[in-house]
Amino acid sequence: SWIEKPVSPYIHKTSNVDPMATVIGDVTIGERVNIAPGAVIRGD
C-alpha cells in the first residue's frame, strides 16, 4: 500500500554480493563494496 511498484536493487559492477547474502528492493550499492555471507539488506 505504500510502495506502488517493485524496485530491483542496483549493484555496481565492481561490487561483490556474496551468494549467501540477501538484497531486496530499493537498494543502491556503490562501487567496490563488499557484502558478506548472511547479510540482509531489505529495501521493502
PDB file of all heavy atoms in Angstrom:
ATOM      1  N   SER A   1       0.817  -1.209   0.000  1.00  0.00           N
ATOM      2  CA  SER A   1       0.000   0.000   0.000  1.00  0.00           C
ATOM      3  C   SER A   1       0.852   1.260   0.000  1.00  0.00           C
ATOM      4  O   SER A   1       0.392   2.338  -0.371  1.00  0.00           O
ATOM      5  CB  SER A   1      -0.934   0.006   1.217  1.00  0.00           C
ATOM      6  OG  SER A   1      -0.180  -0.031   2.421  1.00  0.00           O
ATOM      7  N   TRP A   2       2.124   1.170   0.408  1.00  0.00           N
ATOM      8  CA  TRP A   2       2.998   2.352   0.447  1.00  0.00           C
ATOM      9  C   TRP A   2       4.075   2.334  -0.639  1.00  0.00           C
ATOM     10  O   TRP A   2       4.759   3.321  -0.841  1.00  0.00           O
ATOM     11  CB  TRP A   2       3.636   2.509   1.825  1.00  0.00           C
ATOM     12  CG  TRP A   2       4.553   1.378   2.216  1.00  0.00           C
ATOM     13  CD1 TRP A   2       5.895   1.278   1.978  1.00  0.00           C
ATOM     14  CD2 TRP A   2       4.181   0.184   2.895  1.00  0.00           C
ATOM     15  NE1 TRP A   2       6.391   0.097   2.462  1.00  0.00           N
ATOM     16  CE2 TRP A   2       5.351  -0.600   3.045  1.00  0.00           C
ATOM     17  CE3 TRP A   2       2.975  -0.314   3.418  1.00  0.00           C
ATOM     18  CZ2 TRP A   2       5.353  -1.842   3.669  1.00  0.00           C
ATOM     19  CZ3 TRP A   2       2.983  -1.544   4.038  1.00  0.00           C
ATOM     20  CH2 TRP A   2       4.161  -2.297   4.154  1.00  0.00           C
ATOM     21  N   ILE A   3       4.240   1.201  -1.331  1.00  0.00           N
ATOM     22  CA  ILE A   3       5.164   1.123  -2.465  1.00  0.00           C
ATOM     23  C   ILE A   3       4.372   0.652  -3.670  1.00  0.00           C
ATOM     24  O   ILE A   3       3.881  -0.479  -3.703  1.00  0.00           O
ATOM     25  CB  ILE A   3       6.334   0.164  -2.181  1.00  0.00           C
ATOM     26  CG1 ILE A   3       7.176   0.670  -0.992  1.00  0.00           C
ATOM     27  CG2 ILE A   3       7.218   0.035  -3.420  1.00  0.00           C
ATOM     28  CD1 ILE A   3       8.335  -0.233  -0.618  1.00  0.00           C
ATOM     29  N   GLU A   4       4.235   1.527  -4.670  1.00  0.00           N
ATOM     30  CA  GLU A   4       3.334   1.258  -5.785  1.00  0.00           C
ATOM     31  C   GLU A   4       3.824   0.165  -6.719  1.00  0.00           C
ATOM     32  O   GLU A   4       3.033  -0.557  -7.308  1.00  0.00           O
ATOM     33  CB  GLU A   4       3.102   2.548  -6.580  1.00  0.00           C
ATOM     34  CG  GLU A   4       2.339   3.609  -5.796  1.00  0.00           C
ATOM     35  CD  GLU A   4       2.055   4.841  -6.634  1.00  0.00           C
ATOM     36  OE1 GLU A   4       2.514   4.881  -7.809  1.00  0.00           O
ATOM     37  OE2 GLU A   4       1.392   5.755  -6.131  1.00  0.00           O
ATOM     38  N   LYS A   5       5.145   0.069  -6.886  1.00  0.00           N
ATOM     39  CA  LYS A   5       5.646  -0.927  -7.824  1.00  0.00           C
ATOM     40  C   LYS A   5       6.965  -1.513  -7.316  1.00  0.00           C
ATOM     41  O   LYS A   5       7.711  -0.858  -6.588  1.00  0.00           O
ATOM     42  CB  LYS A   5       5.845  -0.323  -9.214  1.00  0.00           C
ATOM     43  CG  LYS A   5       6.845   0.815  -9.267  1.00  0.00           C
ATOM     44  CD  LYS A   5       6.963   1.352 -10.686  1.00  0.00           C
ATOM     45  CE  LYS A   5       7.986   2.491 -10.768  1.00  0.00           C
ATOM     46  NZ  LYS A   5       8.126   3.003 -12.142  1.00  0.00           N
ATOM     47  N   PRO A   6       7.246  -2.744  -7.700  1.00  0.00           N
ATOM     48  CA  PRO A   6       8.504  -3.375  -7.294  1.00  0.00           C
ATOM     49  C   PRO A   6       9.715  -2.626  -7.863  1.00  0.00           C
ATOM     50  O   PRO A   6       9.681  -2.107  -8.976  1.00  0.00           O
ATOM     51  CB  PRO A   6       8.405  -4.785  -7.887  1.00  0.00           C
ATOM     52  CG  PRO A   6       6.944  -5.015  -8.090  1.00  0.00           C
ATOM     53  CD  PRO A   6       6.379  -3.672  -8.450  1.00  0.00           C
ATOM     54  N   VAL A   7      10.766  -2.586  -7.082  1.00  0.00           N
ATOM     55  CA  VAL A   7      12.040  -1.983  -7.495  1.00  0.00           C
ATOM     56  C   VAL A   7      13.145  -3.012  -7.287  1.00  0.00           C
ATOM     57  O   VAL A   7      13.227  -3.632  -6.219  1.00  0.00           O
ATOM     58  CB  VAL A   7      12.349  -0.712  -6.684  1.00  0.00           C
ATOM     59  CG1 VAL A   7      13.697  -0.127  -7.087  1.00  0.00           C
ATOM     60  CG2 VAL A   7      11.246   0.328  -6.860  1.00  0.00           C
ATOM     61  N   SER A   8      13.986  -3.184  -8.278  1.00  0.00           N
ATOM     62  CA  SER A   8      15.107  -4.116  -8.159  1.00  0.00           C
ATOM     63  C   SER A   8      16.342  -3.395  -7.623  1.00  0.00           C
ATOM     64  O   SER A   8      16.556  -2.214  -7.913  1.00  0.00           O
ATOM     65  CB  SER A   8      15.445  -4.739  -9.513  1.00  0.00           C
ATOM     66  OG  SER A   8      14.379  -5.568  -9.954  1.00  0.00           O
ATOM     67  N   PRO A   9      17.163  -4.084  -6.842  1.00  0.00           N
ATOM     68  CA  PRO A   9      18.393  -3.473  -6.347  1.00  0.00           C
ATOM     69  C   PRO A   9      19.332  -3.086  -7.497  1.00  0.00           C
ATOM     70  O   PRO A   9      19.374  -3.755  -8.527  1.00  0.00           O
ATOM     71  CB  PRO A   9      19.025  -4.581  -5.498  1.00  0.00           C
ATOM     72  CG  PRO A   9      17.892  -5.497  -5.136  1.00  0.00           C
ATOM     73  CD  PRO A   9      16.975  -5.462  -6.315  1.00  0.00           C
ATOM     74  N   TYR A  10      20.082  -2.012  -7.273  1.00  0.00           N
ATOM     75  CA  TYR A  10      21.156  -1.638  -8.188  1.00  0.00           C
ATOM     76  C   TYR A  10      22.482  -1.942  -7.506  1.00  0.00           C
ATOM     77  O   TYR A  10      22.761  -1.435  -6.401  1.00  0.00           O
ATOM     78  CB  TYR A  10      21.112  -0.164  -8.564  1.00  0.00           C
ATOM     79  CG  TYR A  10      22.376   0.264  -9.303  1.00  0.00           C
ATOM     80  CD1 TYR A  10      22.526  -0.013 -10.659  1.00  0.00           C
ATOM     81  CD2 TYR A  10      23.417   0.883  -8.629  1.00  0.00           C
ATOM     82  CE1 TYR A  10      23.693   0.333 -11.333  1.00  0.00           C
ATOM     83  CE2 TYR A  10      24.586   1.234  -9.292  1.00  0.00           C
ATOM     84  CZ  TYR A  10      24.718   0.962 -10.645  1.00  0.00           C
ATOM     85  OH  TYR A  10      25.871   1.286 -11.295  1.00  0.00           O
ATOM     86  N   ILE A  11      23.298  -2.755  -8.134  1.00  0.00           N
ATOM     87  CA  ILE A  11      24.595  -3.138  -7.579  1.00  0.00           C
ATOM     88  C   ILE A  11      25.657  -2.814  -8.623  1.00  0.00           C
ATOM     89  O   ILE A  11      25.629  -3.330  -9.744  1.00  0.00           O
ATOM     90  CB  ILE A  11      24.623  -4.642  -7.240  1.00  0.00           C
ATOM     91  CG1 ILE A  11      23.530  -4.971  -6.219  1.00  0.00           C
ATOM     92  CG2 ILE A  11      25.996  -5.039  -6.695  1.00  0.00           C
ATOM     93  CD1 ILE A  11      23.252  -6.447  -6.062  1.00  0.00           C
ATOM     94  N   HIS A  12      26.599  -1.955  -8.263  1.00  0.00           N
ATOM     95  CA  HIS A  12      27.644  -1.580  -9.219  1.00  0.00           C
ATOM     96  C   HIS A  12      28.472  -2.804  -9.601  1.00  0.00           C
ATOM     97  O   HIS A  12      28.701  -3.703  -8.790  1.00  0.00           O
ATOM     98  CB  HIS A  12      28.543  -0.502  -8.610  1.00  0.00           C
ATOM     99  CG  HIS A  12      29.435   0.152  -9.627  1.00  0.00           C
ATOM    100  ND1 HIS A  12      30.676  -0.357  -9.952  1.00  0.00           N
ATOM    101  CD2 HIS A  12      29.266   1.266 -10.388  1.00  0.00           C
ATOM    102  CE1 HIS A  12      31.226   0.410 -10.872  1.00  0.00           C
ATOM    103  NE2 HIS A  12      30.401   1.406 -11.154  1.00  0.00           N
ATOM    104  N   LYS A  13      28.936  -2.814 -10.822  1.00  0.00           N
ATOM    105  CA  LYS A  13      29.638  -3.986 -11.354  1.00  0.00           C
ATOM    106  C   LYS A  13      30.948  -4.282 -10.632  1.00  0.00           C
ATOM    107  O   LYS A  13      31.466  -5.396 -10.716  1.00  0.00           O
ATOM    108  CB  LYS A  13      29.898  -3.810 -12.848  1.00  0.00           C
ATOM    109  CG  LYS A  13      30.824  -2.653 -13.192  1.00  0.00           C
ATOM    110  CD  LYS A  13      30.996  -2.518 -14.698  1.00  0.00           C
ATOM    111  CE  LYS A  13      31.931  -1.374 -15.049  1.00  0.00           C
ATOM    112  NZ  LYS A  13      32.095  -1.231 -16.519  1.00  0.00           N
ATOM    113  N   THR A  14      31.504  -3.299  -9.916  1.00  0.00           N
ATOM    114  CA  THR A  14      32.749  -3.533  -9.185  1.00  0.00           C
ATOM    115  C   THR A  14      32.514  -4.020  -7.758  1.00  0.00           C
ATOM    116  O   THR A  14      33.476  -4.220  -7.009  1.00  0.00           O
ATOM    117  CB  THR A  14      33.591  -2.245  -9.121  1.00  0.00           C
ATOM    118  OG1 THR A  14      32.824  -1.218  -8.453  1.00  0.00           O
ATOM    119  CG2 THR A  14      33.981  -1.778 -10.514  1.00  0.00           C
ATOM    120  N   SER A  15      31.257  -4.201  -7.372  1.00  0.00           N
ATOM    121  CA  SER A  15      30.935  -4.629  -6.011  1.00  0.00           C
ATOM    122  C   SER A  15      30.610  -6.111  -5.957  1.00  0.00           C
ATOM    123  O   SER A  15      30.129  -6.698  -6.932  1.00  0.00           O
ATOM    124  CB  SER A  15      29.767  -3.816  -5.465  1.00  0.00           C
ATOM    125  OG  SER A  15      30.171  -2.483  -5.237  1.00  0.00           O
ATOM    126  N   ASN A  16      30.855  -6.699  -4.795  1.00  0.00           N
ATOM    127  CA  ASN A  16      30.606  -8.128  -4.596  1.00  0.00           C
ATOM    128  C   ASN A  16      29.485  -8.338  -3.594  1.00  0.00           C
ATOM    129  O   ASN A  16      29.524  -7.810  -2.477  1.00  0.00           O
ATOM    130  CB  ASN A  16      31.872  -8.806  -4.060  1.00  0.00           C
ATOM    131  CG  ASN A  16      31.609 -10.243  -3.635  1.00  0.00           C
ATOM    132  OD1 ASN A  16      31.279 -11.093  -4.450  1.00  0.00           O
ATOM    133  ND2 ASN A  16      31.718 -10.505  -2.335  1.00  0.00           N
ATOM    134  N   VAL A  17      28.483  -9.100  -4.003  1.00  0.00           N
ATOM    135  CA  VAL A  17      27.426  -9.540  -3.096  1.00  0.00           C
ATOM    136  C   VAL A  17      27.530 -11.056  -2.993  1.00  0.00           C
ATOM    137  O   VAL A  17      27.333 -11.770  -3.976  1.00  0.00           O
ATOM    138  CB  VAL A  17      26.027  -9.133  -3.592  1.00  0.00           C
ATOM    139  CG1 VAL A  17      24.947  -9.688  -2.660  1.00  0.00           C
ATOM    140  CG2 VAL A  17      25.917  -7.603  -3.664  1.00  0.00           C
ATOM    141  N   ASP A  18      27.856 -11.551  -1.806  1.00  0.00           N
ATOM    142  CA  ASP A  18      28.019 -12.989  -1.638  1.00  0.00           C
ATOM    143  C   ASP A  18      26.713 -13.721  -1.964  1.00  0.00           C
ATOM    144  O   ASP A  18      25.621 -13.214  -1.677  1.00  0.00           O
ATOM    145  CB  ASP A  18      28.429 -13.289  -0.192  1.00  0.00           C
ATOM    146  CG  ASP A  18      28.801 -14.742  -0.008  1.00  0.00           C
ATOM    147  OD1 ASP A  18      29.985 -15.074  -0.186  1.00  0.00           O
ATOM    148  OD2 ASP A  18      27.897 -15.563   0.307  1.00  0.00           O
ATOM    149  N   PRO A  19      26.797 -14.914  -2.558  1.00  0.00           N
ATOM    150  CA  PRO A  19      25.581 -15.679  -2.876  1.00  0.00           C
ATOM    151  C   PRO A  19      24.711 -15.993  -1.666  1.00  0.00           C
ATOM    152  O   PRO A  19      23.519 -16.273  -1.817  1.00  0.00           O
ATOM    153  CB  PRO A  19      26.137 -16.969  -3.495  1.00  0.00           C
ATOM    154  CG  PRO A  19      27.478 -16.604  -4.008  1.00  0.00           C
ATOM    155  CD  PRO A  19      28.016 -15.582  -3.069  1.00  0.00           C
ATOM    156  N   MET A  20      25.293 -15.934  -0.460  1.00  0.00           N
ATOM    157  CA  MET A  20      24.511 -16.209   0.747  1.00  0.00           C
ATOM    158  C   MET A  20      23.963 -14.943   1.396  1.00  0.00           C
ATOM    159  O   MET A  20      23.340 -14.994   2.455  1.00  0.00           O
ATOM    160  CB  MET A  20      25.365 -16.983   1.753  1.00  0.00           C
ATOM    161  CG  MET A  20      25.744 -18.378   1.279  1.00  0.00           C
ATOM    162  SD  MET A  20      26.784 -19.260   2.468  1.00  0.00           S
ATOM    163  CE  MET A  20      25.652 -19.425   3.851  1.00  0.00           C
ATOM    164  N   ALA A  21      24.182 -13.783   0.780  1.00  0.00           N
ATOM    165  CA  ALA A  21      23.585 -12.530   1.250  1.00  0.00           C
ATOM    166  C   ALA A  21      22.249 -12.315   0.546  1.00  0.00           C
ATOM    167  O   ALA A  21      21.990 -12.871  -0.519  1.00  0.00           O
ATOM    168  CB  ALA A  21      24.522 -11.363   0.978  1.00  0.00           C
ATOM    169  N   THR A  22      21.383 -11.488   1.155  1.00  0.00           N
ATOM    170  CA  THR A  22      20.075 -11.178   0.588  1.00  0.00           C
ATOM    171  C   THR A  22      19.947  -9.672   0.414  1.00  0.00           C
ATOM    172  O   THR A  22      20.172  -8.914   1.362  1.00  0.00           O
ATOM    173  CB  THR A  22      18.942 -11.684   1.504  1.00  0.00           C
ATOM    174  OG1 THR A  22      19.069 -13.102   1.673  1.00  0.00           O
ATOM    175  CG2 THR A  22      17.579 -11.371   0.912  1.00  0.00           C
ATOM    176  N   VAL A  23      19.585  -9.243  -0.801  1.00  0.00           N
ATOM    177  CA  VAL A  23      19.385  -7.830  -1.092  1.00  0.00           C
ATOM    178  C   VAL A  23      18.036  -7.690  -1.793  1.00  0.00           C
ATOM    179  O   VAL A  23      17.824  -8.288  -2.851  1.00  0.00           O
ATOM    180  CB  VAL A  23      20.510  -7.264  -1.980  1.00  0.00           C
ATOM    181  CG1 VAL A  23      20.315  -5.766  -2.206  1.00  0.00           C
ATOM    182  CG2 VAL A  23      21.879  -7.530  -1.360  1.00  0.00           C
ATOM    183  N   ILE A  24      17.140  -6.914  -1.198  1.00  0.00           N
ATOM    184  CA  ILE A  24      15.756  -6.833  -1.685  1.00  0.00           C
ATOM    185  C   ILE A  24      15.354  -5.373  -1.889  1.00  0.00           C
ATOM    186  O   ILE A  24      15.567  -4.532  -1.016  1.00  0.00           O
ATOM    187  CB  ILE A  24      14.776  -7.480  -0.691  1.00  0.00           C
ATOM    188  CG1 ILE A  24      15.115  -8.965  -0.485  1.00  0.00           C
ATOM    189  CG2 ILE A  24      13.336  -7.329  -1.161  1.00  0.00           C
ATOM    190  CD1 ILE A  24      14.306  -9.614   0.622  1.00  0.00           C
ATOM    191  N   GLY A  25      14.763  -5.092  -3.041  1.00  0.00           N
ATOM    192  CA  GLY A  25      14.054  -3.838  -3.248  1.00  0.00           C
ATOM    193  C   GLY A  25      14.920  -2.633  -3.555  1.00  0.00           C
ATOM    194  O   GLY A  25      15.941  -2.726  -4.240  1.00  0.00           O
ATOM    195  N   ASP A  26      14.515  -1.488  -3.025  1.00  0.00           N
ATOM    196  CA  ASP A  26      15.093  -0.190  -3.358  1.00  0.00           C
ATOM    197  C   ASP A  26      16.422   0.005  -2.628  1.00  0.00           C
ATOM    198  O   ASP A  26      16.524   0.754  -1.654  1.00  0.00           O
ATOM    199  CB  ASP A  26      14.104   0.911  -2.998  1.00  0.00           C
ATOM    200  CG  ASP A  26      14.512   2.261  -3.572  1.00  0.00           C
ATOM    201  OD1 ASP A  26      15.606   2.348  -4.170  1.00  0.00           O
ATOM    202  OD2 ASP A  26      13.740   3.232  -3.413  1.00  0.00           O
ATOM    203  N   VAL A  27      17.422  -0.705  -3.116  1.00  0.00           N
ATOM    204  CA  VAL A  27      18.763  -0.687  -2.529  1.00  0.00           C
ATOM    205  C   VAL A  27      19.760  -0.301  -3.619  1.00  0.00           C
ATOM    206  O   VAL A  27      19.732  -0.864  -4.712  1.00  0.00           O
ATOM    207  CB  VAL A  27      19.147  -2.068  -1.950  1.00  0.00           C
ATOM    208  CG1 VAL A  27      20.571  -2.045  -1.410  1.00  0.00           C
ATOM    209  CG2 VAL A  27      18.160  -2.493  -0.867  1.00  0.00           C
ATOM    210  N   THR A  28      20.616   0.653  -3.308  1.00  0.00           N
ATOM    211  CA  THR A  28      21.684   1.054  -4.227  1.00  0.00           C
ATOM    212  C   THR A  28      23.021   0.778  -3.564  1.00  0.00           C
ATOM    213  O   THR A  28      23.292   1.269  -2.461  1.00  0.00           O
ATOM    214  CB  THR A  28      21.580   2.547  -4.579  1.00  0.00           C
ATOM    215  OG1 THR A  28      20.337   2.793  -5.243  1.00  0.00           O
ATOM    216  CG2 THR A  28      22.726   2.962  -5.494  1.00  0.00           C
ATOM    217  N   ILE A  29      23.848  -0.014  -4.233  1.00  0.00           N
ATOM    218  CA  ILE A  29      25.174  -0.379  -3.722  1.00  0.00           C
ATOM    219  C   ILE A  29      26.212   0.218  -4.660  1.00  0.00           C
ATOM    220  O   ILE A  29      26.241  -0.089  -5.855  1.00  0.00           O
ATOM    221  CB  ILE A  29      25.320  -1.903  -3.616  1.00  0.00           C
ATOM    222  CG1 ILE A  29      24.311  -2.438  -2.578  1.00  0.00           C
ATOM    223  CG2 ILE A  29      26.741  -2.286  -3.237  1.00  0.00           C
ATOM    224  CD1 ILE A  29      24.258  -3.946  -2.490  1.00  0.00           C
ATOM    225  N   GLY A  30      27.062   1.082  -4.108  1.00  0.00           N
ATOM    226  CA  GLY A  30      28.029   1.813  -4.911  1.00  0.00           C
ATOM    227  C   GLY A  30      29.216   0.971  -5.350  1.00  0.00           C
ATOM    228  O   GLY A  30      29.156  -0.264  -5.389  1.00  0.00           O
ATOM    229  N   GLU A  31      30.316   1.626  -5.648  1.00  0.00           N
ATOM    230  CA  GLU A  31      31.495   0.967  -6.219  1.00  0.00           C
ATOM    231  C   GLU A  31      32.363   0.310  -5.143  1.00  0.00           C
ATOM    232  O   GLU A  31      32.495   0.821  -4.031  1.00  0.00           O
ATOM    233  CB  GLU A  31      32.345   1.994  -6.977  1.00  0.00           C
ATOM    234  CG  GLU A  31      31.605   2.678  -8.114  1.00  0.00           C
ATOM    235  CD  GLU A  31      32.423   3.781  -8.752  1.00  0.00           C
ATOM    236  OE1 GLU A  31      33.665   3.771  -8.589  1.00  0.00           O
ATOM    237  OE2 GLU A  31      31.825   4.657  -9.404  1.00  0.00           O
ATOM    238  N   ARG A  32      32.925  -0.843  -5.499  1.00  0.00           N
ATOM    239  CA  ARG A  32      33.913  -1.545  -4.660  1.00  0.00           C
ATOM    240  C   ARG A  32      33.392  -1.817  -3.247  1.00  0.00           C
ATOM    241  O   ARG A  32      34.110  -1.696  -2.261  1.00  0.00           O
ATOM    242  CB  ARG A  32      35.243  -0.768  -4.613  1.00  0.00           C
ATOM    243  CG  ARG A  32      35.915  -0.635  -5.974  1.00  0.00           C
ATOM    244  CD  ARG A  32      37.125   0.268  -5.924  1.00  0.00           C
ATOM    245  NE  ARG A  32      36.738   1.639  -5.548  1.00  0.00           N
ATOM    246  CZ  ARG A  32      36.250   2.539  -6.390  1.00  0.00           C
ATOM    247  NH1 ARG A  32      36.085   2.237  -7.676  1.00  0.00           N
ATOM    248  NH2 ARG A  32      35.921   3.739  -5.972  1.00  0.00           N
ATOM    249  N   VAL A  33      32.141  -2.209  -3.171  1.00  0.00           N
ATOM    250  CA  VAL A  33      31.504  -2.563  -1.892  1.00  0.00           C
ATOM    251  C   VAL A  33      31.546  -4.085  -1.732  1.00  0.00           C
ATOM    252  O   VAL A  33      31.353  -4.821  -2.704  1.00  0.00           O
ATOM    253  CB  VAL A  33      30.045  -2.062  -1.849  1.00  0.00           C
ATOM    254  CG1 VAL A  33      29.314  -2.573  -0.611  1.00  0.00           C
ATOM    255  CG2 VAL A  33      30.011  -0.533  -1.891  1.00  0.00           C
ATOM    256  N   ASN A  34      31.792  -4.540  -0.510  1.00  0.00           N
ATOM    257  CA  ASN A  34      31.771  -5.976  -0.233  1.00  0.00           C
ATOM    258  C   ASN A  34      30.615  -6.296   0.703  1.00  0.00           C
ATOM    259  O   ASN A  34      30.536  -5.751   1.811  1.00  0.00           O
ATOM    260  CB  ASN A  34      33.092  -6.428   0.400  1.00  0.00           C
ATOM    261  CG  ASN A  34      33.203  -7.941   0.444  1.00  0.00           C
ATOM    262  OD1 ASN A  34      32.820  -8.632  -0.496  1.00  0.00           O
ATOM    263  ND2 ASN A  34      33.727  -8.468   1.533  1.00  0.00           N
ATOM    264  N   ILE A  35      29.706  -7.172   0.253  1.00  0.00           N
ATOM    265  CA  ILE A  35      28.569  -7.620   1.061  1.00  0.00           C
ATOM    266  C   ILE A  35      28.829  -9.083   1.405  1.00  0.00           C
ATOM    267  O   ILE A  35      28.848  -9.947   0.528  1.00  0.00           O
ATOM    268  CB  ILE A  35      27.231  -7.490   0.304  1.00  0.00           C
ATOM    269  CG1 ILE A  35      27.058  -6.074  -0.280  1.00  0.00           C
ATOM    270  CG2 ILE A  35      26.075  -7.850   1.232  1.00  0.00           C
ATOM    271  CD1 ILE A  35      26.930  -4.976   0.723  1.00  0.00           C
ATOM    272  N   ALA A  36      29.025  -9.376   2.689  1.00  0.00           N
ATOM    273  CA  ALA A  36      29.490 -10.688   3.129  1.00  0.00           C
ATOM    274  C   ALA A  36      28.336 -11.684   3.308  1.00  0.00           C
ATOM    275  O   ALA A  36      27.154 -11.306   3.290  1.00  0.00           O
ATOM    276  CB  ALA A  36      30.268 -10.541   4.440  1.00  0.00           C
ATOM    277  N   PRO A  37      28.665 -12.974   3.484  1.00  0.00           N
ATOM    278  CA  PRO A  37      27.630 -14.001   3.668  1.00  0.00           C
ATOM    279  C   PRO A  37      26.707 -13.696   4.843  1.00  0.00           C
ATOM    280  O   PRO A  37      27.146 -13.232   5.900  1.00  0.00           O
ATOM    281  CB  PRO A  37      28.450 -15.274   3.941  1.00  0.00           C
ATOM    282  CG  PRO A  37      29.773 -15.022   3.315  1.00  0.00           C
ATOM    283  CD  PRO A  37      30.027 -13.557   3.467  1.00  0.00           C
ATOM    284  N   GLY A  38      25.423 -13.962   4.639  1.00  0.00           N
ATOM    285  CA  GLY A  38      24.442 -13.817   5.708  1.00  0.00           C
ATOM    286  C   GLY A  38      23.906 -12.423   5.911  1.00  0.00           C
ATOM    287  O   GLY A  38      22.962 -12.222   6.684  1.00  0.00           O
ATOM    288  N   ALA A  39      24.471 -11.429   5.231  1.00  0.00           N
ATOM    289  CA  ALA A  39      23.940 -10.068   5.347  1.00  0.00           C
ATOM    290  C   ALA A  39      22.553 -10.003   4.710  1.00  0.00           C
ATOM    291  O   ALA A  39      22.292 -10.647   3.692  1.00  0.00           O
ATOM    292  CB  ALA A  39      24.878  -9.074   4.675  1.00  0.00           C
ATOM    293  N   VAL A  40      21.674  -9.203   5.323  1.00  0.00           N
ATOM    294  CA  VAL A  40      20.322  -9.000   4.791  1.00  0.00           C
ATOM    295  C   VAL A  40      20.076  -7.497   4.683  1.00  0.00           C
ATOM    296  O   VAL A  40      20.135  -6.774   5.681  1.00  0.00           O
ATOM    297  CB  VAL A  40      19.248  -9.635   5.699  1.00  0.00           C
ATOM    298  CG1 VAL A  40      17.851  -9.325   5.157  1.00  0.00           C
ATOM    299  CG2 VAL A  40      19.462 -11.137   5.808  1.00  0.00           C
ATOM    300  N   ILE A  41      19.802  -7.037   3.462  1.00  0.00           N
ATOM    301  CA  ILE A  41      19.548  -5.622   3.198  1.00  0.00           C
ATOM    302  C   ILE A  41      18.186  -5.536   2.536  1.00  0.00           C
ATOM    303  O   ILE A  41      18.021  -5.944   1.383  1.00  0.00           O
ATOM    304  CB  ILE A  41      20.642  -5.032   2.290  1.00  0.00           C
ATOM    305  CG1 ILE A  41      22.037  -5.292   2.897  1.00  0.00           C
ATOM    306  CG2 ILE A  41      20.421  -3.535   2.086  1.00  0.00           C
ATOM    307  CD1 ILE A  41      23.173  -4.966   1.959  1.00  0.00           C
ATOM    308  N   ARG A  42      17.195  -5.021   3.269  1.00  0.00           N
ATOM    309  CA  ARG A  42      15.809  -5.073   2.790  1.00  0.00           C
ATOM    310  C   ARG A  42      15.244  -3.673   2.563  1.00  0.00           C
ATOM    311  O   ARG A  42      14.859  -2.982   3.492  1.00  0.00           O
ATOM    312  CB  ARG A  42      14.922  -5.812   3.797  1.00  0.00           C
ATOM    313  CG  ARG A  42      15.096  -7.301   3.808  1.00  0.00           C
ATOM    314  CD  ARG A  42      13.850  -8.012   4.325  1.00  0.00           C
ATOM    315  NE  ARG A  42      13.589  -7.766   5.727  1.00  0.00           N
ATOM    316  CZ  ARG A  42      12.438  -7.303   6.206  1.00  0.00           C
ATOM    317  NH1 ARG A  42      11.454  -6.982   5.393  1.00  0.00           N
ATOM    318  NH2 ARG A  42      12.297  -7.139   7.502  1.00  0.00           N
ATOM    319  N   GLY A  43      15.164  -3.307   1.287  1.00  0.00           N
ATOM    320  CA  GLY A  43      14.511  -2.060   0.923  1.00  0.00           C
ATOM    321  C   GLY A  43      13.079  -2.309   0.501  1.00  0.00           C
ATOM    322  O   GLY A  43      12.700  -2.011  -0.637  1.00  0.00           O
ATOM    323  N   ASP A  44      12.297  -2.854   1.429  1.00  0.00           N
ATOM    324  CA  ASP A  44      10.909  -3.217   1.103  1.00  0.00           C
ATOM    325  C   ASP A  44       9.886  -2.532   1.995  1.00  0.00           C
ATOM    326  O   ASP A  44       8.688  -2.644   1.769  1.00  0.00           O
ATOM    327  CB  ASP A  44      10.722  -4.732   1.162  1.00  0.00           C
ATOM    328  CG  ASP A  44      11.043  -5.318   2.540  1.00  0.00           C
ATOM    329  OD1 ASP A  44      11.445  -4.549   3.447  1.00  0.00           O
ATOM    330  OD2 ASP A  44      10.901  -6.545   2.713  1.00  0.00           O
TER     331      ASP A  44
END
